[in-house]
């Protein structure tokens, strides 16, 4: 029922509306701010998973202290970008499960990041070195994932209100316009992170 209502609203969607070229930056900023509450919740859930992963993960001693337990390589940029875009799509589409999938994916990715950080610290890297390994692509990838998660959680909240008969429709046209613009920002962040992770991170590892 929610899906068909969303489909009907999507038809004829124009993300920019009548916004002039000069006002598009402000339009994108306003669009992202609509999902501020969802983004804050996404940060909390992701951070919770990170803390738990950092606390409970016990790296295997076979790797040996002083060795880097990860290979920062991937077949190509497209493979990594595609993987991250799939995660982004899952975070947004999780709204169709009323937020269950979105919350689970955010927590899992935070947990995974925590385990990676713990393993890097255990390998002998300093906290500063770990930050240097994660930060270059993380400044693009994390905002992209958090924006996508915020969109999914915002639309999930709308779905709950719709089911409780507190809204006439789960998503309004303006919300879909803003969601489209915010998702565009998220996708651009994800696409930027992939080449940074593959080409800059290995150089930092070798330092």
Protein backbone atom coordinates (compact mmCIF):
# COMPACT_ATOMS: atom_id res chain seq x y z
CA UNK A 1 0.00 0.00 0.00
CA UNK A 2 2.80 2.41 0.91
CA UNK A 3 4.78 1.39 -2.18
CA UNK A 4 1.92 2.16 -4.57
CA UNK A 5 1.27 5.50 -2.91
CA UNK A 6 4.96 6.37 -3.33
CA UNK A 7 4.87 5.26 -6.98
CA UNK A 8 1.92 7.51 -7.74
CA UNK A 9 3.67 10.48 -6.18
CA UNK A 10 6.92 9.91 -8.10
CA UNK A 11 5.22 10.37 -11.47
CA UNK A 12 5.98 13.77 -12.95
CA UNK A 13 8.60 14.52 -10.32
CA UNK A 14 10.88 17.50 -10.98
CA UNK A 15 13.58 17.70 -8.28
CA UNK A 16 14.58 21.26 -9.10
CA UNK A 17 11.08 22.66 -9.38
CA UNK A 18 11.34 26.25 -10.62
CA UNK A 19 14.63 26.96 -8.87
CA UNK A 20 17.02 29.12 -10.90
CA UNK A 21 20.61 28.09 -11.53
CA UNK A 22 21.92 30.58 -8.99
CA UNK A 23 19.78 29.17 -6.20
CA UNK A 24 20.47 25.49 -6.72
CA UNK A 25 23.19 25.25 -4.08
CA UNK A 26 20.79 26.65 -1.50
CA UNK A 27 18.11 24.31 -2.85
CA UNK A 28 20.34 21.28 -2.27
CA UNK A 29 21.22 22.50 1.22
CA UNK A 30 17.56 22.95 2.07
CA UNK A 31 16.75 19.52 0.66
CA UNK A 32 19.36 17.84 2.85
CA UNK A 33 18.21 19.78 5.92
CA UNK A 34 14.74 18.24 5.56
CA UNK A 35 16.30 14.91 6.55
CA UNK A 36 18.28 16.33 9.46
CA UNK A 37 16.41 14.30 12.07
CA UNK A 38 16.94 11.08 10.15
CA UNK A 39 20.62 11.88 9.64
CA UNK A 40 21.11 12.49 13.36
CA UNK A 41 19.50 9.14 14.16
CA UNK A 42 21.67 7.50 11.48
CA UNK A 43 24.77 8.95 13.14
CA UNK A 44 23.70 7.60 16.54
CA UNK A 45 23.01 4.11 15.19
CA UNK A 46 26.21 3.98 13.13
CA UNK A 47 28.28 5.21 16.08
CA UNK A 48 26.62 2.67 18.37
CA UNK A 49 27.62 -0.12 16.02
CA UNK A 50 31.15 1.29 15.79
CA UNK A 51 31.57 1.38 19.57
CA UNK A 52 30.29 -2.18 19.93
CA UNK A 53 32.57 -3.45 17.16
CA UNK A 54 35.53 -1.70 18.75
CA UNK A 55 34.69 -3.15 22.16
CA UNK A 56 33.92 -6.79 21.37
CA UNK A 57 36.17 -7.57 18.39
CA UNK A 58 39.18 -9.73 19.16
CA UNK A 59 41.62 -9.82 16.23
CA UNK A 60 43.18 -13.17 15.40
CA UNK A 61 46.70 -13.43 16.82
CA UNK A 62 47.90 -15.21 13.68
CA UNK A 63 48.19 -11.90 11.84
CA UNK A 64 51.00 -10.83 14.14
CA UNK A 65 51.47 -7.51 15.84
CA UNK A 66 52.98 -4.96 13.52
CA UNK A 67 51.48 -6.41 10.37
CA UNK A 68 48.63 -4.79 8.50
CA UNK A 69 45.76 -7.33 8.51
CA UNK A 70 43.98 -5.88 5.50
CA UNK A 71 44.60 -5.50 1.82
CA UNK A 72 43.53 -2.08 0.62
CA UNK A 73 43.04 -3.25 -2.92
CA UNK A 74 40.03 -4.02 -5.03
CA UNK A 75 39.61 -5.19 -8.64
CA UNK A 76 38.71 -1.69 -9.79
CA UNK A 77 37.02 1.52 -8.82
CA UNK A 78 33.77 0.43 -10.42
CA UNK A 79 33.53 -2.68 -8.23
CA UNK A 80 34.00 -0.72 -5.02
CA UNK A 81 31.69 2.08 -6.13
CA UNK A 82 29.00 -0.42 -7.11
CA UNK A 83 29.22 -2.14 -3.74
CA UNK A 84 28.86 1.16 -1.88
CA UNK A 85 26.00 2.24 -4.14
CA UNK A 86 24.19 -1.00 -3.32
CA UNK A 87 24.57 -0.20 0.38
CA UNK A 88 23.23 3.29 -0.32
CA UNK A 89 20.23 1.85 -2.13
CA UNK A 90 19.55 -0.55 0.74
CA UNK A 91 19.61 2.31 3.25
CA UNK A 92 17.04 4.28 1.26
CA UNK A 93 14.88 1.33 0.23
CA UNK A 94 14.81 0.25 3.86
CA UNK A 95 12.03 2.80 4.25
CA UNK A 96 9.75 0.21 2.65
CA UNK A 97 10.40 -1.99 5.71
CA UNK A 98 9.45 0.94 7.94
CA UNK A 99 13.10 1.50 8.81
CA UNK A 100 14.03 -2.00 9.99
CA UNK A 101 16.48 -2.68 7.16
CA UNK A 102 17.89 0.85 7.28
CA UNK A 103 18.61 0.67 11.00
CA UNK A 104 20.12 -2.81 10.68
CA UNK A 105 22.36 -1.78 7.78
CA UNK A 106 23.57 1.34 9.60
CA UNK A 107 24.37 -0.61 12.76
CA UNK A 108 26.12 -3.38 10.83
CA UNK A 109 28.28 -0.95 8.87
CA UNK A 110 29.20 0.85 12.07
CA UNK A 111 30.04 -2.48 13.71
CA UNK A 112 32.17 -3.47 10.72
CA UNK A 113 34.03 -0.16 10.86
CA UNK A 114 34.68 -0.74 14.55
CA UNK A 115 36.14 -4.19 13.95
CA UNK A 116 38.39 -2.85 11.19
CA UNK A 117 39.61 -0.03 13.43
CA UNK A 118 40.28 -2.50 16.26
CA UNK A 119 42.28 -4.79 13.97
CA UNK A 120 44.33 -1.89 12.65
CA UNK A 121 45.09 -0.72 16.18
CA UNK A 122 46.00 -4.27 17.20
CA UNK A 123 48.36 -4.54 14.21
CA UNK A 124 50.51 -1.83 15.74
CA UNK A 125 49.19 1.29 14.05
CA UNK A 126 48.66 4.36 16.18
CA UNK A 127 45.21 5.98 16.44
CA UNK A 128 46.54 8.82 14.29
CA UNK A 129 47.63 6.39 11.58
CA UNK A 130 44.24 4.68 11.64
CA UNK A 131 42.51 8.03 11.21
CA UNK A 132 44.81 8.86 8.29
CA UNK A 133 43.88 5.58 6.63
CA UNK A 134 40.15 6.09 7.03
CA UNK A 135 39.76 9.86 6.77
CA UNK A 136 40.62 10.49 3.08
CA UNK A 137 37.75 8.40 1.72
CA UNK A 138 35.71 8.50 4.92
CA UNK A 139 35.04 12.23 4.56
CA UNK A 140 33.12 11.37 1.39
CA UNK A 141 31.80 7.87 2.09
CA UNK A 142 30.41 8.41 5.59
CA UNK A 143 28.38 11.54 4.72
CA UNK A 144 27.01 9.70 1.69
CA UNK A 145 25.90 6.74 3.77
CA UNK A 146 24.50 8.95 6.53
CA UNK A 147 22.48 11.05 4.09
CA UNK A 148 21.10 7.90 2.50
CA UNK A 149 20.29 6.51 5.93
CA UNK A 150 18.63 9.77 6.91
CA UNK A 151 16.44 9.64 3.82
CA UNK A 152 15.42 6.05 4.57
CA UNK A 153 14.63 6.81 8.20
CA UNK A 154 12.67 9.97 7.35
CA UNK A 155 10.52 8.16 4.82
CA UNK A 156 10.12 5.24 7.25
CA UNK A 157 8.81 7.66 9.88
CA UNK A 158 6.38 9.01 7.30
CA UNK A 159 5.27 5.44 6.61
CA UNK A 160 4.53 4.84 10.27
CA UNK A 161 2.49 8.05 10.46
CA UNK A 162 0.62 7.02 7.33
CA UNK A 163 -0.24 3.62 8.81
CA UNK A 164 -1.39 5.34 12.00
CA UNK A 165 -3.58 7.60 9.84
CA UNK A 166 -1.67 10.72 10.81
CA UNK A 167 -0.82 11.49 7.18
CA UNK A 168 -2.91 11.39 4.03
CA UNK A 169 -0.03 9.91 2.03
CA UNK A 170 3.35 8.49 3.09
CA UNK A 171 5.43 10.87 0.98
CA UNK A 172 4.50 14.22 -0.50
CA UNK A 173 5.79 15.49 -3.82
CA UNK A 174 8.01 18.11 -2.17
CA UNK A 175 9.54 15.44 0.06
CA UNK A 176 10.32 13.30 -2.97
CA UNK A 177 11.94 16.27 -4.69
CA UNK A 178 14.09 16.91 -1.64
CA UNK A 179 14.83 13.21 -1.31
CA UNK A 180 15.98 13.04 -4.93
CA UNK A 181 18.36 15.96 -4.46
CA UNK A 182 19.70 14.65 -1.16
CA UNK A 183 20.20 11.20 -2.67
CA UNK A 184 22.08 12.78 -5.57
CA UNK A 185 24.47 14.33 -3.05
CA UNK A 186 24.88 10.95 -1.34
CA UNK A 187 25.64 9.20 -4.64
CA UNK A 188 28.21 11.83 -5.61
CA UNK A 189 29.91 11.39 -2.24
CA UNK A 190 30.01 7.61 -2.69
CA UNK A 191 31.38 7.86 -6.23
CA UNK A 192 34.08 10.26 -5.06
CA UNK A 193 35.10 8.01 -2.16
CA UNK A 194 35.83 4.96 -4.33
CA UNK A 195 38.86 6.28 -6.29
CA UNK A 196 40.17 8.00 -3.17
CA UNK A 197 40.05 4.73 -1.24
CA UNK A 198 41.73 2.72 -3.99
CA UNK A 199 44.44 5.17 -5.02
CA UNK A 200 45.24 7.25 -1.93
CA UNK A 201 44.78 4.74 0.91
CA UNK A 202 47.36 2.23 -0.43
CA UNK A 203 49.93 5.03 -0.55
CA UNK A 204 49.22 5.86 3.08
CA UNK A 205 49.53 2.19 4.05
CA UNK A 206 53.00 2.03 2.49
CA UNK A 207 54.29 5.03 4.44
